[in-house]
Amino acid sequence: MLATLENIFAYDFLVNAFVASILSGITCGIVGCYVVARRKVFLSSGITHASFGGLGIALYAGLNPILGALLFAIISSVGIEYASRRGGVREDSAVGIIWSVGMAIGALFMSLRPGYATDLTSYLFGNILLVDNRDIVWLTLLTLFVVIGAIIWLRRIMFIAFDEDFARSQAVAVTAVSYLMAIIIAITIVLSIKVMGIILLLSLTTIPVVIANSLTKDYRKIAILSATIAVVGNIAGFLLSYHYDIPTGSCIIFILVLLLVGVKLLTLYRGVRRV
C-alpha cells in the first residue's frame, strides 16, 4: 500500500486523480443527500445524460467539452425545474424529455464529427487520469462552496427537502433555493464526469447516502457520513484500479455496493439479535 501511494505521489496526473477522488466524494456525498431526500434521483440522472448534448456540441466545435456539458446541464436543470413548477409538466415527464433530447443532440453532433470519437468512452464511463490542474481548481471551489453552504444553510435546505409547505411557513425562499440546488446538482455532476463518467455517475450521489441513511436518520449526520463514505469509496476504487489496471468508476461502484450490502447485513443481524 505504501509503495502504491509513493508511486501515485510521484506523478502529477496521479496526484490530480487522487485529489479529485477526495473532492468529488465530498461534493457528491453532500449534494446527494438533497437529491435522495427530495427524491430527485431521476432528475440528477436526467441532468447527467442531458449534459451529453453539450458534450457533443463542444467536441464538434472544438471547444472544451466539460464547459459545453456544464452549460447544457445548467440549462437543462433550470428548464426541468421551471417546467415542473410553472410549465404544467410533471417533473418526471420533463426529465424524460430533457434526457432524451440531450442524448439525441449529443449523438447527432458526435456522428457529424469527422473521424472516430475515441475519447467518447472517457466521458461516458470516466477516466480519472484525465483530470488536470484546471479541473482540480474548479472542484476545489465547488467543494468549498458546497461545504460552507451546507454549514450555513443546511437547516433551510433540510426543511425544503422534507416539507416545502413548512419551509414556506418559516419564510424560506423555496423557489429560489430549489433553482439554486438544481444548478448546484448540475455543476456537481459535470465536474465529476471525469471521475465516474456520464453512465456511472448516478451511483456516487445515491449509494453513499443510502448507506449513511441505514446507519442514522439524522440529516446532518447523513450528510457527513455520506461524504465520508463517498471519499473512502473513491480512494479505495482509485487505488484498486491503479493496482489492477481496471476502470476506476467500476471499482468505485463495486466497493460502494459491497459497503451497502455489508451495512444492510449488519443492521439486519442487529435487528434479529434484538428480537
C-alpha atoms as a PDB file:
ATOM      1  CA  MET A   1       0.000   0.000   0.000  1.00  0.00           C
ATOM      2  CA  LEU A   2       2.788   2.417   0.945  1.00  0.00           C
ATOM      3  CA  ALA A   3       4.623   1.600  -2.285  1.00  0.00           C
ATOM      4  CA  THR A   4       1.437   2.284  -4.232  1.00  0.00           C
ATOM      5  CA  LEU A   5       0.988   5.678  -2.560  1.00  0.00           C
ATOM      6  CA  GLU A   6       4.629   6.540  -3.217  1.00  0.00           C
ATOM      7  CA  ASN A   7       4.156   5.748  -6.897  1.00  0.00           C
ATOM      8  CA  ILE A   8       0.983   7.838  -7.041  1.00  0.00           C
ATOM      9  CA  PHE A   9       2.537  10.910  -5.453  1.00  0.00           C
ATOM     10  CA  ALA A  10       5.498  10.686  -7.813  1.00  0.00           C
ATOM     11  CA  TYR A  11       3.390  11.778 -10.802  1.00  0.00           C
ATOM     12  CA  ASP A  12       1.337  14.943 -11.103  1.00  0.00           C
ATOM     13  CA  PHE A  13      -1.519  13.352 -13.077  1.00  0.00           C
ATOM     14  CA  LEU A  14      -1.912  10.634 -10.414  1.00  0.00           C
ATOM     15  CA  VAL A  15      -1.890  13.265  -7.668  1.00  0.00           C
ATOM     16  CA  ASN A  16      -4.641  15.120  -9.533  1.00  0.00           C
ATOM     17  CA  ALA A  17      -6.649  11.894  -9.766  1.00  0.00           C
ATOM     18  CA  PHE A  18      -6.197  11.231  -6.043  1.00  0.00           C
ATOM     19  CA  VAL A  19      -7.257  14.764  -5.091  1.00  0.00           C
ATOM     20  CA  ALA A  20     -10.238  14.585  -7.466  1.00  0.00           C
ATOM     21  CA  SER A  21     -11.344  11.385  -5.721  1.00  0.00           C
ATOM     22  CA  ILE A  22     -11.494  13.260  -2.421  1.00  0.00           C
ATOM     23  CA  LEU A  23     -13.147  16.423  -3.730  1.00  0.00           C
ATOM     24  CA  SER A  24     -15.782  14.694  -5.865  1.00  0.00           C
ATOM     25  CA  GLY A  25     -16.578  12.360  -2.981  1.00  0.00           C
ATOM     26  CA  ILE A  26     -17.266  15.286  -0.642  1.00  0.00           C
ATOM     27  CA  THR A  27     -19.442  17.207  -3.087  1.00  0.00           C
ATOM     28  CA  CYS A  28     -21.386  14.205  -4.392  1.00  0.00           C
ATOM     29  CA  GLY A  29     -21.920  12.920  -0.858  1.00  0.00           C
ATOM     30  CA  ILE A  30     -23.345  16.199   0.446  1.00  0.00           C
ATOM     31  CA  VAL A  31     -25.346  17.114  -2.657  1.00  0.00           C
ATOM     32  CA  GLY A  32     -26.581  13.527  -2.866  1.00  0.00           C
ATOM     33  CA  CYS A  33     -28.339  13.955   0.493  1.00  0.00           C
ATOM     34  CA  TYR A  34     -30.590  16.601  -1.045  1.00  0.00           C
ATOM     35  CA  VAL A  35     -31.082  14.528  -4.188  1.00  0.00           C
ATOM     36  CA  VAL A  36     -32.182  11.429  -2.271  1.00  0.00           C
ATOM     37  CA  ALA A  37     -34.216  13.291   0.380  1.00  0.00           C
ATOM     38  CA  ARG A  38     -36.227  15.157  -2.273  1.00  0.00           C
ATOM     39  CA  ARG A  39     -36.477  12.013  -4.402  1.00  0.00           C
ATOM     40  CA  LYS A  40     -34.702  13.718  -7.277  1.00  0.00           C
ATOM     41  CA  VAL A  41     -32.533  10.761  -8.235  1.00  0.00           C
ATOM     42  CA  PHE A  42     -34.263  10.589 -11.613  1.00  0.00           C
ATOM     43  CA  LEU A  43     -33.683  14.345 -12.009  1.00  0.00           C
ATOM     44  CA  SER A  44     -29.947  14.025 -11.395  1.00  0.00           C
ATOM     45  CA  SER A  45     -29.800  11.113 -13.819  1.00  0.00           C
ATOM     46  CA  GLY A  46     -31.655  13.192 -16.418  1.00  0.00           C
ATOM     47  CA  ILE A  47     -29.260  16.113 -15.993  1.00  0.00           C
ATOM     48  CA  THR A  48     -26.290  13.761 -16.264  1.00  0.00           C
ATOM     49  CA  HIS A  49     -27.457  12.272 -19.550  1.00  0.00           C
ATOM     50  CA  ALA A  50     -28.703  15.608 -20.904  1.00  0.00           C
ATOM     51  CA  SER A  51     -25.192  17.022 -20.465  1.00  0.00           C
ATOM     52  CA  PHE A  52     -24.148  14.627 -23.228  1.00  0.00           C
ATOM     53  CA  GLY A  53     -25.769  17.084 -25.655  1.00  0.00           C
ATOM     54  CA  GLY A  54     -23.457  19.905 -24.607  1.00  0.00           C
ATOM     55  CA  LEU A  55     -20.540  17.499 -24.655  1.00  0.00           C
ATOM     56  CA  GLY A  56     -21.257  16.512 -28.250  1.00  0.00           C
ATOM     57  CA  ILE A  57     -21.697  20.120 -29.412  1.00  0.00           C
ATOM     58  CA  ALA A  58     -18.453  21.211 -27.742  1.00  0.00           C
ATOM     59  CA  LEU A  59     -16.432  18.328 -29.195  1.00  0.00           C
ATOM     60  CA  TYR A  60     -17.862  19.012 -32.640  1.00  0.00           C
ATOM     61  CA  ALA A  61     -16.987  22.720 -32.373  1.00  0.00           C
ATOM     62  CA  GLY A  62     -13.529  22.022 -30.976  1.00  0.00           C
ATOM     63  CA  LEU A  63     -14.328  23.657 -27.618  1.00  0.00           C
ATOM     64  CA  ASN A  64     -13.804  22.500 -24.028  1.00  0.00           C
ATOM     65  CA  PRO A  65     -16.211  19.528 -23.692  1.00  0.00           C
ATOM     66  CA  ILE A  66     -16.645  19.985 -19.929  1.00  0.00           C
ATOM     67  CA  LEU A  67     -17.658  23.622 -20.438  1.00  0.00           C
ATOM     68  CA  GLY A  68     -20.197  22.572 -23.062  1.00  0.00           C
ATOM     69  CA  ALA A  69     -21.575  19.853 -20.808  1.00  0.00           C
ATOM     70  CA  LEU A  70     -21.726  22.313 -17.888  1.00  0.00           C
ATOM     71  CA  LEU A  71     -23.735  24.928 -19.797  1.00  0.00           C
ATOM     72  CA  PHE A  72     -26.092  22.292 -21.177  1.00  0.00           C
ATOM     73  CA  ALA A  73     -26.554  20.703 -17.731  1.00  0.00           C
ATOM     74  CA  ILE A  74     -27.354  24.050 -16.079  1.00  0.00           C
ATOM     75  CA  ILE A  75     -29.858  24.961 -18.801  1.00  0.00           C
ATOM     76  CA  SER A  76     -31.417  21.504 -18.516  1.00  0.00           C
ATOM     77  CA  SER A  77     -31.695  21.640 -14.716  1.00  0.00           C
ATOM     78  CA  VAL A  78     -33.294  25.089 -14.755  1.00  0.00           C
ATOM     79  CA  GLY A  79     -35.587  24.024 -17.601  1.00  0.00           C
ATOM     80  CA  ILE A  80     -36.754  20.941 -15.718  1.00  0.00           C
ATOM     81  CA  GLU A  81     -37.383  22.961 -12.561  1.00  0.00           C
ATOM     82  CA  TYR A  82     -39.303  25.621 -14.485  1.00  0.00           C
ATOM     83  CA  ALA A  83     -41.352  23.077 -16.468  1.00  0.00           C
ATOM     84  CA  SER A  84     -42.389  21.233 -13.317  1.00  0.00           C
ATOM     85  CA  ARG A  85     -43.237  24.417 -11.378  1.00  0.00           C
ATOM     86  CA  ARG A  86     -44.653  26.792 -13.990  1.00  0.00           C
ATOM     87  CA  GLY A  87     -44.967  24.872 -17.232  1.00  0.00           C
ATOM     88  CA  GLY A  88     -47.692  22.472 -16.175  1.00  0.00           C
ATOM     89  CA  VAL A  89     -45.477  19.449 -16.876  1.00  0.00           C
ATOM     90  CA  ARG A  90     -44.808  16.727 -14.324  1.00  0.00           C
ATOM     91  CA  GLU A  91     -41.202  16.623 -13.205  1.00  0.00           C
ATOM     92  CA  ASP A  92     -40.643  13.018 -14.285  1.00  0.00           C
ATOM     93  CA  SER A  93     -42.053  13.813 -17.723  1.00  0.00           C
ATOM     94  CA  ALA A  94     -39.840  16.913 -18.032  1.00  0.00           C
ATOM     95  CA  VAL A  95     -36.800  14.858 -17.023  1.00  0.00           C
ATOM     96  CA  GLY A  96     -37.611  12.202 -19.599  1.00  0.00           C
ATOM     97  CA  ILE A  97     -37.962  14.804 -22.353  1.00  0.00           C
ATOM     98  CA  ILE A  98     -34.752  16.673 -21.459  1.00  0.00           C
ATOM     99  CA  TRP A  99     -32.893  13.367 -21.039  1.00  0.00           C
ATOM    100  CA  SER A 100     -33.838  12.072 -24.498  1.00  0.00           C
ATOM    101  CA  VAL A 101     -33.308  15.430 -26.243  1.00  0.00           C
ATOM    102  CA  GLY A 102     -29.857  15.852 -24.683  1.00  0.00           C
ATOM    103  CA  MET A 103     -28.757  12.358 -25.664  1.00  0.00           C
ATOM    104  CA  ALA A 104     -30.162  12.825 -29.181  1.00  0.00           C
ATOM    105  CA  ILE A 105     -28.292  16.115 -29.664  1.00  0.00           C
ATOM    106  CA  GLY A 106     -25.085  14.551 -28.361  1.00  0.00           C
ATOM    107  CA  ALA A 107     -25.418  11.530 -30.653  1.00  0.00           C
ATOM    108  CA  LEU A 108     -26.167  13.813 -33.631  1.00  0.00           C
ATOM    109  CA  PHE A 109     -23.093  16.003 -33.206  1.00  0.00           C
ATOM    110  CA  MET A 110     -20.896  13.005 -32.443  1.00  0.00           C
ATOM    111  CA  SER A 111     -21.960  11.483 -35.774  1.00  0.00           C
ATOM    112  CA  LEU A 112     -21.226  14.757 -37.577  1.00  0.00           C
ATOM    113  CA  ARG A 113     -17.780  14.962 -36.054  1.00  0.00           C
ATOM    114  CA  PRO A 114     -15.089  13.790 -38.510  1.00  0.00           C
ATOM    115  CA  GLY A 115     -13.225  10.638 -37.582  1.00  0.00           C
ATOM    116  CA  TYR A 116     -13.883   8.175 -34.772  1.00  0.00           C
ATOM    117  CA  ALA A 117     -14.687   9.608 -31.354  1.00  0.00           C
ATOM    118  CA  THR A 118     -12.022   7.694 -29.432  1.00  0.00           C
ATOM    119  CA  ASP A 119     -12.314   9.993 -26.408  1.00  0.00           C
ATOM    120  CA  LEU A 120     -16.071   9.413 -26.052  1.00  0.00           C
ATOM    121  CA  THR A 121     -15.614   6.436 -23.723  1.00  0.00           C
ATOM    122  CA  SER A 122     -13.693   8.619 -21.263  1.00  0.00           C
ATOM    123  CA  TYR A 123     -16.731  10.847 -20.797  1.00  0.00           C
ATOM    124  CA  LEU A 124     -19.327   8.064 -20.806  1.00  0.00           C
ATOM    125  CA  PHE A 125     -17.541   5.788 -18.321  1.00  0.00           C
ATOM    126  CA  GLY A 126     -14.990   8.163 -16.837  1.00  0.00           C
ATOM    127  CA  ASN A 127     -11.207   8.371 -16.925  1.00  0.00           C
ATOM    128  CA  ILE A 128      -9.880   9.871 -13.724  1.00  0.00           C
ATOM    129  CA  LEU A 129      -6.374  10.088 -15.185  1.00  0.00           C
ATOM    130  CA  LEU A 130      -7.594  12.886 -17.496  1.00  0.00           C
ATOM    131  CA  VAL A 131      -8.195  15.222 -14.537  1.00  0.00           C
ATOM    132  CA  ASP A 132      -5.915  18.238 -14.907  1.00  0.00           C
ATOM    133  CA  ASN A 133      -4.983  21.210 -12.722  1.00  0.00           C
ATOM    134  CA  ARG A 134      -7.898  23.295 -14.052  1.00  0.00           C
ATOM    135  CA  ASP A 135     -10.341  20.550 -13.056  1.00  0.00           C
ATOM    136  CA  ILE A 136      -8.842  20.469  -9.567  1.00  0.00           C
ATOM    137  CA  VAL A 137      -9.264  24.234  -9.187  1.00  0.00           C
ATOM    138  CA  TRP A 138     -12.942  24.090 -10.172  1.00  0.00           C
ATOM    139  CA  LEU A 139     -13.592  21.043  -7.987  1.00  0.00           C
ATOM    140  CA  THR A 140     -11.911  22.786  -5.047  1.00  0.00           C
ATOM    141  CA  LEU A 141     -14.051  25.899  -5.462  1.00  0.00           C
ATOM    142  CA  LEU A 142     -17.200  23.802  -5.762  1.00  0.00           C
ATOM    143  CA  THR A 143     -16.296  21.747  -2.692  1.00  0.00           C
ATOM    144  CA  LEU A 144     -15.663  24.862  -0.605  1.00  0.00           C
ATOM    145  CA  PHE A 145     -18.977  26.359  -1.741  1.00  0.00           C
ATOM    146  CA  VAL A 146     -20.912  23.161  -1.002  1.00  0.00           C
ATOM    147  CA  VAL A 147     -19.318  22.621   2.411  1.00  0.00           C
ATOM    148  CA  ILE A 148     -19.729  26.240   3.524  1.00  0.00           C
ATOM    149  CA  GLY A 149     -23.261  26.322   2.122  1.00  0.00           C
ATOM    150  CA  ALA A 150     -24.145  23.127   3.973  1.00  0.00           C
ATOM    151  CA  ILE A 151     -22.836  24.553   7.237  1.00  0.00           C
ATOM    152  CA  ILE A 152     -24.769  27.820   6.872  1.00  0.00           C
ATOM    153  CA  TRP A 153     -27.977  26.727   5.124  1.00  0.00           C
ATOM    154  CA  LEU A 154     -28.327  23.042   5.999  1.00  0.00           C
ATOM    155  CA  ARG A 155     -31.371  23.666   8.209  1.00  0.00           C
ATOM    156  CA  ARG A 156     -33.251  25.569   5.482  1.00  0.00           C
ATOM    157  CA  ILE A 157     -32.315  23.018   2.842  1.00  0.00           C
ATOM    158  CA  MET A 158     -33.494  20.263   5.173  1.00  0.00           C
ATOM    159  CA  PHE A 159     -36.886  21.991   5.531  1.00  0.00           C
ATOM    160  CA  ILE A 160     -37.257  22.178   1.751  1.00  0.00           C
ATOM    161  CA  ALA A 161     -36.088  18.611   1.246  1.00  0.00           C
ATOM    162  CA  PHE A 162     -38.740  17.162   3.551  1.00  0.00           C
ATOM    163  CA  ASP A 163     -41.638  19.652   3.515  1.00  0.00           C
ATOM    164  CA  GLU A 164     -41.873  22.633   1.174  1.00  0.00           C
ATOM    165  CA  ASP A 165     -45.057  23.943   2.807  1.00  0.00           C
ATOM    166  CA  PHE A 166     -43.422  24.019   6.227  1.00  0.00           C
ATOM    167  CA  ALA A 167     -40.349  25.684   4.708  1.00  0.00           C
ATOM    168  CA  ARG A 168     -42.547  28.452   3.286  1.00  0.00           C
ATOM    169  CA  SER A 169     -44.128  28.940   6.704  1.00  0.00           C
ATOM    170  CA  GLN A 170     -40.605  29.541   8.038  1.00  0.00           C
ATOM    171  CA  ALA A 171     -40.045  32.309   5.450  1.00  0.00           C
ATOM    172  CA  VAL A 172     -37.672  30.185   3.364  1.00  0.00           C
ATOM    173  CA  ALA A 173     -37.426  31.185  -0.302  1.00  0.00           C
ATOM    174  CA  VAL A 174     -38.355  27.712  -1.523  1.00  0.00           C
ATOM    175  CA  THR A 175     -38.449  28.501  -5.252  1.00  0.00           C
ATOM    176  CA  ALA A 176     -35.127  30.352  -5.280  1.00  0.00           C
ATOM    177  CA  VAL A 177     -33.393  27.642  -3.247  1.00  0.00           C
ATOM    178  CA  SER A 178     -34.851  24.915  -5.476  1.00  0.00           C
ATOM    179  CA  TYR A 179     -33.471  26.602  -8.599  1.00  0.00           C
ATOM    180  CA  LEU A 180     -30.107  27.133  -6.896  1.00  0.00           C
ATOM    181  CA  MET A 181     -29.904  23.498  -5.794  1.00  0.00           C
ATOM    182  CA  ALA A 182     -30.813  22.345  -9.309  1.00  0.00           C
ATOM    183  CA  ILE A 183     -27.874  24.371 -10.658  1.00  0.00           C
ATOM    184  CA  ILE A 184     -25.537  23.024  -7.941  1.00  0.00           C
ATOM    185  CA  ILE A 185     -26.600  19.471  -8.792  1.00  0.00           C
ATOM    186  CA  ALA A 186     -25.804  20.160 -12.451  1.00  0.00           C
ATOM    187  CA  ILE A 187     -22.368  21.630 -11.660  1.00  0.00           C
ATOM    188  CA  THR A 188     -21.527  18.779  -9.268  1.00  0.00           C
ATOM    189  CA  ILE A 189     -22.470  16.201 -11.870  1.00  0.00           C
ATOM    190  CA  VAL A 190     -20.483  17.745 -14.722  1.00  0.00           C
ATOM    191  CA  LEU A 191     -17.327  18.430 -12.699  1.00  0.00           C
ATOM    192  CA  SER A 192     -17.326  14.768 -11.604  1.00  0.00           C
ATOM    193  CA  ILE A 193     -17.764  13.325 -15.107  1.00  0.00           C
ATOM    194  CA  LYS A 194     -14.063  12.530 -15.497  1.00  0.00           C
ATOM    195  CA  VAL A 195     -14.118  10.613 -12.216  1.00  0.00           C
ATOM    196  CA  MET A 196     -17.134   8.372 -12.883  1.00  0.00           C
ATOM    197  CA  GLY A 197     -18.456   9.154 -16.349  1.00  0.00           C
ATOM    198  CA  ILE A 198     -21.963  10.048 -17.517  1.00  0.00           C
ATOM    199  CA  ILE A 199     -23.224   6.468 -17.325  1.00  0.00           C
ATOM    200  CA  LEU A 200     -21.904   5.590 -13.851  1.00  0.00           C
ATOM    201  CA  LEU A 201     -22.041   8.932 -12.037  1.00  0.00           C
ATOM    202  CA  LEU A 202     -25.519   8.469 -10.572  1.00  0.00           C
ATOM    203  CA  SER A 203     -24.165   5.865  -8.147  1.00  0.00           C
ATOM    204  CA  LEU A 204     -21.871   8.399  -6.463  1.00  0.00           C
ATOM    205  CA  THR A 205     -24.800  10.636  -5.482  1.00  0.00           C
ATOM    206  CA  THR A 206     -27.059   7.836  -4.257  1.00  0.00           C
ATOM    207  CA  ILE A 207     -25.247   4.789  -2.827  1.00  0.00           C
ATOM    208  CA  PRO A 208     -23.239   6.671  -0.121  1.00  0.00           C
ATOM    209  CA  VAL A 209     -26.442   8.408   1.032  1.00  0.00           C
ATOM    210  CA  VAL A 210     -28.337   5.105   1.201  1.00  0.00           C
ATOM    211  CA  ILE A 211     -25.505   3.590   3.257  1.00  0.00           C
ATOM    212  CA  ALA A 212     -25.451   6.576   5.624  1.00  0.00           C
ATOM    213  CA  ASN A 213     -29.235   6.545   5.942  1.00  0.00           C
ATOM    214  CA  SER A 214     -29.049   2.890   7.000  1.00  0.00           C
ATOM    215  CA  LEU A 215     -26.880   3.934   9.940  1.00  0.00           C
ATOM    216  CA  THR A 216     -28.672   7.107  11.080  1.00  0.00           C
ATOM    217  CA  LYS A 217     -31.821   9.122  10.435  1.00  0.00           C
ATOM    218  CA  ASP A 218     -30.262  12.477  11.389  1.00  0.00           C
ATOM    219  CA  TYR A 219     -29.935  14.632   8.239  1.00  0.00           C
ATOM    220  CA  ARG A 220     -26.752  16.324   9.439  1.00  0.00           C
ATOM    221  CA  LYS A 221     -25.095  13.017  10.284  1.00  0.00           C
ATOM    222  CA  ILE A 222     -26.230  11.583   6.953  1.00  0.00           C
ATOM    223  CA  ALA A 223     -24.549  14.488   5.125  1.00  0.00           C
ATOM    224  CA  ILE A 224     -21.266  13.951   6.985  1.00  0.00           C
ATOM    225  CA  LEU A 225     -21.371  10.170   6.707  1.00  0.00           C
ATOM    226  CA  SER A 226     -22.314  10.091   3.029  1.00  0.00           C
ATOM    227  CA  ALA A 227     -19.465  12.471   2.145  1.00  0.00           C
ATOM    228  CA  THR A 228     -17.040  10.332   4.163  1.00  0.00           C
ATOM    229  CA  ILE A 229     -18.283   7.094   2.586  1.00  0.00           C
ATOM    230  CA  ALA A 230     -18.073   8.584  -0.913  1.00  0.00           C
ATOM    231  CA  VAL A 231     -14.482   9.725  -0.302  1.00  0.00           C
ATOM    232  CA  VAL A 232     -13.485   6.317   1.078  1.00  0.00           C
ATOM    233  CA  GLY A 233     -15.149   4.564  -1.862  1.00  0.00           C
ATOM    234  CA  ASN A 234     -13.474   6.873  -4.368  1.00  0.00           C
ATOM    235  CA  ILE A 235      -9.994   6.495  -2.889  1.00  0.00           C
ATOM    236  CA  ALA A 236     -10.320   2.711  -2.463  1.00  0.00           C
ATOM    237  CA  GLY A 237     -11.665   2.382  -6.005  1.00  0.00           C
ATOM    238  CA  PHE A 238      -8.868   4.532  -7.402  1.00  0.00           C
ATOM    239  CA  LEU A 239      -6.164   2.537  -5.589  1.00  0.00           C
ATOM    240  CA  LEU A 240      -7.742  -0.752  -6.684  1.00  0.00           C
ATOM    241  CA  SER A 241      -7.984   0.382 -10.313  1.00  0.00           C
ATOM    242  CA  TYR A 242      -4.375   1.603 -10.234  1.00  0.00           C
ATOM    243  CA  HIS A 243      -3.114  -1.683  -8.806  1.00  0.00           C
ATOM    244  CA  TYR A 244      -5.010  -3.968 -11.191  1.00  0.00           C
ATOM    245  CA  ASP A 245      -5.255  -1.582 -14.187  1.00  0.00           C
ATOM    246  CA  ILE A 246      -9.047  -1.726 -14.428  1.00  0.00           C
ATOM    247  CA  PRO A 247     -11.648   1.101 -14.807  1.00  0.00           C
ATOM    248  CA  THR A 248     -11.849   3.369 -11.773  1.00  0.00           C
ATOM    249  CA  GLY A 249     -15.602   4.015 -11.992  1.00  0.00           C
ATOM    250  CA  SER A 250     -16.407   0.303 -11.945  1.00  0.00           C
ATOM    251  CA  CYS A 251     -14.130  -0.255  -8.931  1.00  0.00           C
ATOM    252  CA  ILE A 252     -15.788   2.589  -7.019  1.00  0.00           C
ATOM    253  CA  ILE A 253     -19.274   1.210  -7.672  1.00  0.00           C
ATOM    254  CA  PHE A 254     -18.298  -2.333  -6.651  1.00  0.00           C
ATOM    255  CA  ILE A 255     -16.759  -1.074  -3.394  1.00  0.00           C
ATOM    256  CA  LEU A 256     -19.774   1.114  -2.568  1.00  0.00           C
ATOM    257  CA  VAL A 257     -22.181  -1.742  -3.300  1.00  0.00           C
ATOM    258  CA  LEU A 258     -20.146  -4.093  -1.085  1.00  0.00           C
ATOM    259  CA  LEU A 259     -20.257  -1.487   1.696  1.00  0.00           C
ATOM    260  CA  LEU A 260     -24.026  -1.165   1.238  1.00  0.00           C
ATOM    261  CA  VAL A 261     -24.548  -4.941   1.392  1.00  0.00           C
ATOM    262  CA  GLY A 262     -22.298  -5.167   4.452  1.00  0.00           C
ATOM    263  CA  VAL A 263     -24.157  -2.391   6.277  1.00  0.00           C
ATOM    264  CA  LYS A 264     -27.556  -3.868   5.396  1.00  0.00           C
ATOM    265  CA  LEU A 265     -26.493  -7.314   6.648  1.00  0.00           C
ATOM    266  CA  LEU A 266     -25.122  -5.757   9.839  1.00  0.00           C
ATOM    267  CA  THR A 267     -28.339  -3.843  10.559  1.00  0.00           C
ATOM    268  CA  LEU A 268     -30.403  -6.955   9.768  1.00  0.00           C
ATOM    269  CA  TYR A 269     -28.265  -9.013  12.142  1.00  0.00           C
ATOM    270  CA  ARG A 270     -28.670  -6.429  14.911  1.00  0.00           C
ATOM    271  CA  GLY A 271     -32.426  -6.418  14.338  1.00  0.00           C
ATOM    272  CA  VAL A 272     -32.575 -10.216  14.666  1.00  0.00           C
ATOM    273  CA  ARG A 273     -30.469 -10.124  17.843  1.00  0.00           C
ATOM    274  CA  ARG A 274     -32.825  -7.599  19.436  1.00  0.00           C
ATOM    275  CA  VAL A 275     -35.832  -9.793  18.659  1.00  0.00           C
END
